[in-house]
Protein backbone atom coordinates (compact mmCIF):
# COMPACT_ATOMS: atom_id res chain seq x y z
CA MET A 1 -0.03 -0.05 -0.01
CA ALA A 2 1.49 3.57 -1.06
CA ARG A 3 1.37 5.93 1.55
CA GLY A 4 1.45 9.91 1.00
CA ARG A 5 -0.60 12.45 -0.56
CA THR A 6 -2.84 11.90 -3.10
CA HIS A 7 -5.21 14.31 -5.21
CA THR A 8 -8.79 12.90 -5.75
CA ASP A 9 -12.03 14.86 -6.92
CA PHE A 10 -14.09 12.47 -5.10
CA LEU A 11 -13.34 10.15 -1.95
CA VAL A 12 -15.75 7.57 -1.31
CA VAL A 13 -15.91 5.60 1.95
CA GLY A 14 -17.04 2.50 1.53
CA SER A 15 -16.99 -0.26 -1.34
CA GLY A 16 -20.69 -1.60 -0.89
CA LEU A 17 -23.47 -1.19 -3.55
CA ALA A 18 -24.21 2.31 -2.68
CA GLY A 19 -20.19 3.38 -2.50
CA LEU A 20 -19.58 1.64 -5.63
CA THR A 21 -22.43 3.03 -7.66
CA TYR A 22 -21.88 6.64 -6.65
CA ALA A 23 -18.08 6.12 -7.52
CA LEU A 24 -19.33 4.95 -11.21
CA GLN A 25 -21.31 8.06 -11.41
CA ALA A 26 -18.69 10.58 -10.09
CA ALA A 27 -16.08 9.10 -12.37
CA GLU A 28 -17.66 10.95 -15.34
CA SER A 29 -16.64 14.13 -13.54
CA GLY A 30 -13.24 13.86 -11.89
CA SER A 31 -10.75 11.56 -10.20
CA VAL A 32 -12.24 9.16 -7.51
CA THR A 33 -10.53 7.42 -4.60
CA ILE A 34 -12.54 4.84 -2.61
CA LEU A 35 -11.37 3.93 0.77
CA THR A 36 -12.64 0.62 1.87
CA LYS A 37 -11.71 -1.97 4.39
CA ALA A 38 -9.05 -4.76 3.88
CA GLY A 39 -10.61 -5.67 0.28
CA VAL A 40 -13.28 -4.39 -2.02
CA THR A 41 -15.23 -7.32 -1.37
CA ASP A 42 -15.29 -6.73 2.64
CA SER A 43 -18.80 -5.32 2.84
CA ASN A 44 -22.10 -5.91 3.85
CA THR A 45 -23.56 -6.28 0.14
CA GLY A 46 -22.74 -9.59 -0.51
CA TRP A 47 -24.82 -10.53 2.65
CA ALA A 48 -27.68 -8.66 1.64
CA GLN A 49 -30.74 -10.47 0.94
CA GLY A 50 -33.08 -7.60 -0.29
CA GLY A 51 -36.15 -7.43 -2.34
CA ILE A 52 -39.25 -6.10 -3.11
CA ALA A 53 -42.05 -6.50 -0.55
CA ALA A 54 -45.55 -6.64 -1.95
CA ALA A 55 -48.65 -8.03 -1.04
CA ILE A 56 -49.69 -10.26 -4.07
CA GLY A 57 -51.78 -13.11 -2.32
CA GLU A 58 -55.30 -13.72 -0.96
CA ALA A 59 -53.68 -14.30 2.57
CA ASP A 60 -51.14 -11.07 2.28
CA SER A 61 -51.91 -7.90 4.00
CA TRP A 62 -50.30 -4.50 4.23
């Protein structure tokens, strides 16, 4: 790991889905540095079991 001063236009803290999505968008406007844990894959995004909740069955209710 290099130590010293680095110039960046955008500093993104976190390499989860939100951070990487923002980094991709910010990269269109300047340089981006991503500050993360030990590795890019060390985030909770991989563990997330998100989805869309909807009442679609007869037994479902809001």
